[in-house]
ModelCIF file with pLDDT and N, C-alpha, C, O atoms, coordinates in Angstrom:
data_MODEL
#
_entry.id   MODEL 
#
_entity.id                         1 
_entity.type                       polymer 
_entity.pdbx_number_of_molecules   1 
#
_entity_poly.entity_id                      1 
_entity_poly.type                           'polypeptide(L)' 
_entity_poly.nstd_linkage                   no 
_entity_poly.nstd_monomer                   no 
_entity_poly.pdbx_seq_one_letter_code       VVEHLAGDRWALIVRAHHSLVDGVSGISLLE 
_entity_poly.pdbx_seq_one_letter_code_can   VVEHLAGDRWALIVRAHHSLVDGVSGISLLE 
_entity_poly.pdbx_strand_id                 A 
#
loop_
_entity_poly_seq.entity_id 
_entity_poly_seq.num 
_entity_poly_seq.mon_id 
_entity_poly_seq.hetero 
1 1  VAL n 
1 2  VAL n 
1 3  GLU n 
1 4  HIS n 
1 5  LEU n 
1 6  ALA n 
1 7  GLY n 
1 8  ASP n 
1 9  ARG n 
1 10 TRP n 
1 11 ALA n 
1 12 LEU n 
1 13 ILE n 
1 14 VAL n 
1 15 ARG n 
1 16 ALA n 
1 17 HIS n 
1 18 HIS n 
1 19 SER n 
1 20 LEU n 
1 21 VAL n 
1 22 ASP n 
1 23 GLY n 
1 24 VAL n 
1 25 SER n 
1 26 GLY n 
1 27 ILE n 
1 28 SER n 
1 29 LEU n 
1 30 LEU n 
1 31 GLU n 
#
_struct_asym.id          A 
_struct_asym.entity_id   1 
#
loop_
_ma_qa_metric.id 
_ma_qa_metric.mode 
_ma_qa_metric.name 
_ma_qa_metric.software_group_id 
_ma_qa_metric.type 
1 global pLDDT . pLDDT 
2 local  pLDDT . pLDDT 
#
_ma_qa_metric_global.metric_id      1 
_ma_qa_metric_global.metric_value   94.16 
_ma_qa_metric_global.model_id       1 
_ma_qa_metric_global.ordinal_id     1 
#
loop_
_ma_qa_metric_local.label_asym_id 
_ma_qa_metric_local.label_comp_id 
_ma_qa_metric_local.label_seq_id 
_ma_qa_metric_local.metric_id 
_ma_qa_metric_local.metric_value 
_ma_qa_metric_local.model_id 
_ma_qa_metric_local.ordinal_id 
A VAL 1  2 98.00 1 1  
A VAL 2  2 98.00 1 2  
A GLU 3  2 97.00 1 3  
A HIS 4  2 96.00 1 4  
A LEU 5  2 97.00 1 5  
A ALA 6  2 97.00 1 6  
A GLY 7  2 96.00 1 7  
A ASP 8  2 96.00 1 8  
A ARG 9  2 98.00 1 9  
A TRP 10 2 98.00 1 10 
A ALA 11 2 98.00 1 11 
A LEU 12 2 98.00 1 12 
A ILE 13 2 98.00 1 13 
A VAL 14 2 97.00 1 14 
A ARG 15 2 97.00 1 15 
A ALA 16 2 96.00 1 16 
A HIS 17 2 96.00 1 17 
A HIS 18 2 94.00 1 18 
A SER 19 2 92.00 1 19 
A LEU 20 2 92.00 1 20 
A VAL 21 2 91.00 1 21 
A ASP 22 2 89.00 1 22 
A GLY 23 2 88.00 1 23 
A VAL 24 2 87.00 1 24 
A SER 25 2 87.00 1 25 
A GLY 26 2 90.00 1 26 
A ILE 27 2 93.00 1 27 
A SER 28 2 90.00 1 28 
A LEU 29 2 91.00 1 29 
A LEU 30 2 92.00 1 30 
A GLU 31 2 92.00 1 31 
#
loop_
_atom_site.group_PDB 
_atom_site.id 
_atom_site.type_symbol 
_atom_site.label_atom_id 
_atom_site.label_alt_id 
_atom_site.label_comp_id 
_atom_site.label_asym_id 
_atom_site.label_entity_id 
_atom_site.label_seq_id 
_atom_site.pdbx_PDB_ins_code 
_atom_site.Cartn_x 
_atom_site.Cartn_y 
_atom_site.Cartn_z 
_atom_site.occupancy 
_atom_site.B_iso_or_equiv 
_atom_site.pdbx_formal_charge 
_atom_site.auth_seq_id 
_atom_site.auth_comp_id 
_atom_site.auth_asym_id 
_atom_site.auth_atom_id 
_atom_site.pdbx_PDB_model_num 
ATOM 1   N N  . VAL A 1 1  ? 21.068 174.430 94.375 1.00 98.00 ? 1  VAL A N  1 
ATOM 2   C CA . VAL A 1 1  ? 22.182 175.299 94.764 1.00 98.00 ? 1  VAL A CA 1 
ATOM 3   C C  . VAL A 1 1  ? 23.464 174.634 95.199 1.00 98.00 ? 1  VAL A C  1 
ATOM 4   O O  . VAL A 1 1  ? 23.545 173.994 96.248 1.00 98.00 ? 1  VAL A O  1 
ATOM 5   N N  . VAL A 1 2  ? 24.741 174.857 94.124 1.00 98.00 ? 2  VAL A N  1 
ATOM 6   C CA . VAL A 1 2  ? 25.350 174.300 94.352 1.00 98.00 ? 2  VAL A CA 1 
ATOM 7   C C  . VAL A 1 2  ? 26.566 174.729 95.342 1.00 98.00 ? 2  VAL A C  1 
ATOM 8   O O  . VAL A 1 2  ? 26.721 175.949 95.302 1.00 98.00 ? 2  VAL A O  1 
ATOM 9   N N  . GLU A 1 3  ? 27.478 174.071 96.224 1.00 97.00 ? 3  GLU A N  1 
ATOM 10  C CA . GLU A 1 3  ? 28.529 175.271 97.059 1.00 97.00 ? 3  GLU A CA 1 
ATOM 11  C C  . GLU A 1 3  ? 29.718 174.197 96.634 1.00 97.00 ? 3  GLU A C  1 
ATOM 12  O O  . GLU A 1 3  ? 29.716 173.114 96.047 1.00 97.00 ? 3  GLU A O  1 
ATOM 13  N N  . HIS A 1 4  ? 30.834 175.126 97.284 1.00 96.00 ? 4  HIS A N  1 
ATOM 14  C CA . HIS A 1 4  ? 31.835 174.577 97.365 1.00 96.00 ? 4  HIS A CA 1 
ATOM 15  C C  . HIS A 1 4  ? 32.734 174.608 95.946 1.00 96.00 ? 4  HIS A C  1 
ATOM 16  O O  . HIS A 1 4  ? 33.709 173.952 95.580 1.00 96.00 ? 4  HIS A O  1 
ATOM 17  N N  . LEU A 1 5  ? 31.857 175.805 95.246 1.00 97.00 ? 5  LEU A N  1 
ATOM 18  C CA . LEU A 1 5  ? 32.941 176.384 94.311 1.00 97.00 ? 5  LEU A CA 1 
ATOM 19  C C  . LEU A 1 5  ? 34.114 176.922 94.279 1.00 97.00 ? 5  LEU A C  1 
ATOM 20  O O  . LEU A 1 5  ? 34.390 177.952 94.893 1.00 97.00 ? 5  LEU A O  1 
ATOM 21  N N  . ALA A 1 6  ? 35.047 176.172 93.444 1.00 97.00 ? 6  ALA A N  1 
ATOM 22  C CA . ALA A 1 6  ? 36.767 176.720 93.528 1.00 97.00 ? 6  ALA A CA 1 
ATOM 23  C C  . ALA A 1 6  ? 36.446 178.785 93.435 1.00 97.00 ? 6  ALA A C  1 
ATOM 24  O O  . ALA A 1 6  ? 35.696 179.364 92.648 1.00 97.00 ? 6  ALA A O  1 
ATOM 25  N N  . GLY A 1 7  ? 37.178 179.305 94.348 1.00 96.00 ? 7  GLY A N  1 
ATOM 26  C CA . GLY A 1 7  ? 37.566 180.021 93.784 1.00 96.00 ? 7  GLY A CA 1 
ATOM 27  C C  . GLY A 1 7  ? 36.231 181.834 94.795 1.00 96.00 ? 7  GLY A C  1 
ATOM 28  O O  . GLY A 1 7  ? 36.105 183.021 94.496 1.00 96.00 ? 7  GLY A O  1 
ATOM 29  N N  . ASP A 1 8  ? 35.868 181.305 95.469 1.00 96.00 ? 8  ASP A N  1 
ATOM 30  C CA . ASP A 1 8  ? 34.676 181.832 96.775 1.00 96.00 ? 8  ASP A CA 1 
ATOM 31  C C  . ASP A 1 8  ? 33.323 182.026 95.688 1.00 96.00 ? 8  ASP A C  1 
ATOM 32  O O  . ASP A 1 8  ? 32.693 182.980 95.231 1.00 96.00 ? 8  ASP A O  1 
ATOM 33  N N  . ARG A 1 9  ? 33.299 181.131 95.618 1.00 98.00 ? 9  ARG A N  1 
ATOM 34  C CA . ARG A 1 9  ? 31.689 181.227 94.037 1.00 98.00 ? 9  ARG A CA 1 
ATOM 35  C C  . ARG A 1 9  ? 31.165 179.787 94.563 1.00 98.00 ? 9  ARG A C  1 
ATOM 36  O O  . ARG A 1 9  ? 31.706 178.796 95.054 1.00 98.00 ? 9  ARG A O  1 
ATOM 37  N N  . TRP A 1 10 ? 29.724 180.196 94.185 1.00 98.00 ? 10 TRP A N  1 
ATOM 38  C CA . TRP A 1 10 ? 28.713 178.701 94.258 1.00 98.00 ? 10 TRP A CA 1 
ATOM 39  C C  . TRP A 1 10 ? 27.736 179.255 93.058 1.00 98.00 ? 10 TRP A C  1 
ATOM 40  O O  . TRP A 1 10 ? 27.394 180.292 92.489 1.00 98.00 ? 10 TRP A O  1 
ATOM 41  N N  . ALA A 1 11 ? 27.565 178.076 93.071 1.00 98.00 ? 11 ALA A N  1 
ATOM 42  C CA . ALA A 1 11 ? 26.430 178.102 91.862 1.00 98.00 ? 11 ALA A CA 1 
ATOM 43  C C  . ALA A 1 11 ? 24.994 177.722 91.590 1.00 98.00 ? 11 ALA A C  1 
ATOM 44  O O  . ALA A 1 11 ? 24.517 176.849 92.316 1.00 98.00 ? 11 ALA A O  1 
ATOM 45  N N  . LEU A 1 12 ? 24.189 178.286 90.589 1.00 98.00 ? 12 LEU A N  1 
ATOM 46  C CA . LEU A 1 12 ? 22.887 178.359 90.896 1.00 98.00 ? 12 LEU A CA 1 
ATOM 47  C C  . LEU A 1 12 ? 22.176 177.393 89.469 1.00 98.00 ? 12 LEU A C  1 
ATOM 48  O O  . LEU A 1 12 ? 21.522 178.112 88.713 1.00 98.00 ? 12 LEU A O  1 
ATOM 49  N N  . ILE A 1 13 ? 22.242 175.962 89.077 1.00 98.00 ? 13 ILE A N  1 
ATOM 50  C CA . ILE A 1 13 ? 21.442 175.720 88.169 1.00 98.00 ? 13 ILE A CA 1 
ATOM 51  C C  . ILE A 1 13 ? 20.339 175.132 88.225 1.00 98.00 ? 13 ILE A C  1 
ATOM 52  O O  . ILE A 1 13 ? 20.133 174.092 88.850 1.00 98.00 ? 13 ILE A O  1 
ATOM 53  N N  . VAL A 1 14 ? 19.087 176.097 87.207 1.00 97.00 ? 14 VAL A N  1 
ATOM 54  C CA . VAL A 1 14 ? 17.744 176.192 87.222 1.00 97.00 ? 14 VAL A CA 1 
ATOM 55  C C  . VAL A 1 14 ? 17.302 175.491 86.233 1.00 97.00 ? 14 VAL A C  1 
ATOM 56  O O  . VAL A 1 14 ? 17.370 176.109 85.171 1.00 97.00 ? 14 VAL A O  1 
ATOM 57  N N  . ARG A 1 15 ? 16.742 174.120 86.126 1.00 97.00 ? 15 ARG A N  1 
ATOM 58  C CA . ARG A 1 15 ? 16.488 173.540 85.204 1.00 97.00 ? 15 ARG A CA 1 
ATOM 59  C C  . ARG A 1 15 ? 14.510 174.013 84.711 1.00 97.00 ? 15 ARG A C  1 
ATOM 60  O O  . ARG A 1 15 ? 13.864 174.804 85.398 1.00 97.00 ? 15 ARG A O  1 
ATOM 61  N N  . ALA A 1 16 ? 14.008 173.416 83.629 1.00 96.00 ? 16 ALA A N  1 
ATOM 62  C CA . ALA A 1 16 ? 12.704 173.577 83.522 1.00 96.00 ? 16 ALA A CA 1 
ATOM 63  C C  . ALA A 1 16 ? 11.889 172.992 81.832 1.00 96.00 ? 16 ALA A C  1 
ATOM 64  O O  . ALA A 1 16 ? 12.069 173.671 80.821 1.00 96.00 ? 16 ALA A O  1 
ATOM 65  N N  . HIS A 1 17 ? 11.356 172.180 81.805 1.00 96.00 ? 17 HIS A N  1 
ATOM 66  C CA . HIS A 1 17 ? 10.785 171.266 81.101 1.00 96.00 ? 17 HIS A CA 1 
ATOM 67  C C  . HIS A 1 17 ? 10.505 172.478 79.722 1.00 96.00 ? 17 HIS A C  1 
ATOM 68  O O  . HIS A 1 17 ? 10.012 173.605 79.759 1.00 96.00 ? 17 HIS A O  1 
ATOM 69  N N  . HIS A 1 18 ? 11.143 171.544 78.387 1.00 94.00 ? 18 HIS A N  1 
ATOM 70  C CA . HIS A 1 18 ? 10.963 172.230 76.964 1.00 94.00 ? 18 HIS A CA 1 
ATOM 71  C C  . HIS A 1 18 ? 8.768  172.387 76.763 1.00 94.00 ? 18 HIS A C  1 
ATOM 72  O O  . HIS A 1 18 ? 8.087  172.941 75.900 1.00 94.00 ? 18 HIS A O  1 
ATOM 73  N N  . SER A 1 19 ? 8.480  171.797 77.704 1.00 92.00 ? 19 SER A N  1 
ATOM 74  C CA . SER A 1 19 ? 7.160  172.181 77.368 1.00 92.00 ? 19 SER A CA 1 
ATOM 75  C C  . SER A 1 19 ? 6.717  173.235 78.087 1.00 92.00 ? 19 SER A C  1 
ATOM 76  O O  . SER A 1 19 ? 5.647  173.796 77.852 1.00 92.00 ? 19 SER A O  1 
ATOM 77  N N  . LEU A 1 20 ? 7.647  173.619 79.157 1.00 92.00 ? 20 LEU A N  1 
ATOM 78  C CA . LEU A 1 20 ? 7.146  174.696 80.107 1.00 92.00 ? 20 LEU A CA 1 
ATOM 79  C C  . LEU A 1 20 ? 7.961  176.131 79.582 1.00 92.00 ? 20 LEU A C  1 
ATOM 80  O O  . LEU A 1 20 ? 7.274  177.152 79.536 1.00 92.00 ? 20 LEU A O  1 
ATOM 81  N N  . VAL A 1 21 ? 9.162  176.204 79.257 1.00 91.00 ? 21 VAL A N  1 
ATOM 82  C CA . VAL A 1 21 ? 9.824  177.225 78.557 1.00 91.00 ? 21 VAL A CA 1 
ATOM 83  C C  . VAL A 1 21 ? 10.407 176.703 76.907 1.00 91.00 ? 21 VAL A C  1 
ATOM 84  O O  . VAL A 1 21 ? 10.328 175.682 76.224 1.00 91.00 ? 21 VAL A O  1 
ATOM 85  N N  . ASP A 1 22 ? 10.948 177.925 76.794 1.00 89.00 ? 22 ASP A N  1 
ATOM 86  C CA . ASP A 1 22 ? 12.147 177.803 75.470 1.00 89.00 ? 22 ASP A CA 1 
ATOM 87  C C  . ASP A 1 22 ? 13.733 178.368 75.965 1.00 89.00 ? 22 ASP A C  1 
ATOM 88  O O  . ASP A 1 22 ? 14.337 178.811 76.942 1.00 89.00 ? 22 ASP A O  1 
ATOM 89  N N  . GLY A 1 23 ? 13.837 178.145 75.104 1.00 88.00 ? 23 GLY A N  1 
ATOM 90  C CA . GLY A 1 23 ? 15.274 179.258 75.335 1.00 88.00 ? 23 GLY A CA 1 
ATOM 91  C C  . GLY A 1 23 ? 15.068 180.462 75.903 1.00 88.00 ? 23 GLY A C  1 
ATOM 92  O O  . GLY A 1 23 ? 15.587 180.792 76.969 1.00 88.00 ? 23 GLY A O  1 
ATOM 93  N N  . VAL A 1 24 ? 14.042 181.426 74.999 1.00 87.00 ? 24 VAL A N  1 
ATOM 94  C CA . VAL A 1 24 ? 14.189 183.164 76.057 1.00 87.00 ? 24 VAL A CA 1 
ATOM 95  C C  . VAL A 1 24 ? 13.682 182.960 77.338 1.00 87.00 ? 24 VAL A C  1 
ATOM 96  O O  . VAL A 1 24 ? 14.337 183.094 78.372 1.00 87.00 ? 24 VAL A O  1 
ATOM 97  N N  . SER A 1 25 ? 12.448 182.618 77.260 1.00 87.00 ? 25 SER A N  1 
ATOM 98  C CA . SER A 1 25 ? 11.395 182.491 78.396 1.00 87.00 ? 25 SER A CA 1 
ATOM 99  C C  . SER A 1 25 ? 12.394 181.938 79.516 1.00 87.00 ? 25 SER A C  1 
ATOM 100 O O  . SER A 1 25 ? 12.426 182.443 80.638 1.00 87.00 ? 25 SER A O  1 
ATOM 101 N N  . GLY A 1 26 ? 13.362 180.662 79.063 1.00 90.00 ? 26 GLY A N  1 
ATOM 102 C CA . GLY A 1 26 ? 13.705 179.611 79.722 1.00 90.00 ? 26 GLY A CA 1 
ATOM 103 C C  . GLY A 1 26 ? 15.189 181.014 80.418 1.00 90.00 ? 26 GLY A C  1 
ATOM 104 O O  . GLY A 1 26 ? 15.362 180.885 81.630 1.00 90.00 ? 26 GLY A O  1 
ATOM 105 N N  . ILE A 1 27 ? 15.692 181.645 80.049 1.00 93.00 ? 27 ILE A N  1 
ATOM 106 C CA . ILE A 1 27 ? 16.373 182.329 80.681 1.00 93.00 ? 27 ILE A CA 1 
ATOM 107 C C  . ILE A 1 27 ? 15.693 183.728 81.251 1.00 93.00 ? 27 ILE A C  1 
ATOM 108 O O  . ILE A 1 27 ? 16.456 184.419 81.926 1.00 93.00 ? 27 ILE A O  1 
ATOM 109 N N  . SER A 1 28 ? 14.472 184.179 81.077 1.00 90.00 ? 28 SER A N  1 
ATOM 110 C CA . SER A 1 28 ? 13.579 185.106 82.098 1.00 90.00 ? 28 SER A CA 1 
ATOM 111 C C  . SER A 1 28 ? 13.314 184.336 83.450 1.00 90.00 ? 28 SER A C  1 
ATOM 112 O O  . SER A 1 28 ? 13.301 184.747 84.610 1.00 90.00 ? 28 SER A O  1 
ATOM 113 N N  . LEU A 1 29 ? 13.092 182.982 82.874 1.00 91.00 ? 29 LEU A N  1 
ATOM 114 C CA . LEU A 1 29 ? 12.814 182.062 84.197 1.00 91.00 ? 29 LEU A CA 1 
ATOM 115 C C  . LEU A 1 29 ? 13.919 182.080 85.529 1.00 91.00 ? 29 LEU A C  1 
ATOM 116 O O  . LEU A 1 29 ? 13.741 181.992 86.744 1.00 91.00 ? 29 LEU A O  1 
ATOM 117 N N  . LEU A 1 30 ? 14.865 182.201 84.870 1.00 92.00 ? 30 LEU A N  1 
ATOM 118 C CA . LEU A 1 30 ? 16.621 182.651 85.547 1.00 92.00 ? 30 LEU A CA 1 
ATOM 119 C C  . LEU A 1 30 ? 16.563 183.679 86.455 1.00 92.00 ? 30 LEU A C  1 
ATOM 120 O O  . LEU A 1 30 ? 16.845 183.625 87.652 1.00 92.00 ? 30 LEU A O  1 
ATOM 121 N N  . GLU A 1 31 ? 16.075 184.879 85.637 1.00 92.00 ? 31 GLU A N  1 
ATOM 122 C CA . GLU A 1 31 ? 16.334 186.185 86.184 1.00 92.00 ? 31 GLU A CA 1 
ATOM 123 C C  . GLU A 1 31 ? 14.936 186.463 87.302 1.00 92.00 ? 31 GLU A C  1 
ATOM 124 O O  . GLU A 1 31 ? 14.855 187.512 87.941 1.00 92.00 ? 31 GLU A O  1 
#
């Protein structure tokens, strides 16, 4: 969880190992 992003925003970085997800399933994980 990333706080203090300019413009009244914050960010969420989601990472998973490539053994667990590929590109499509990685986005599904974030969803």
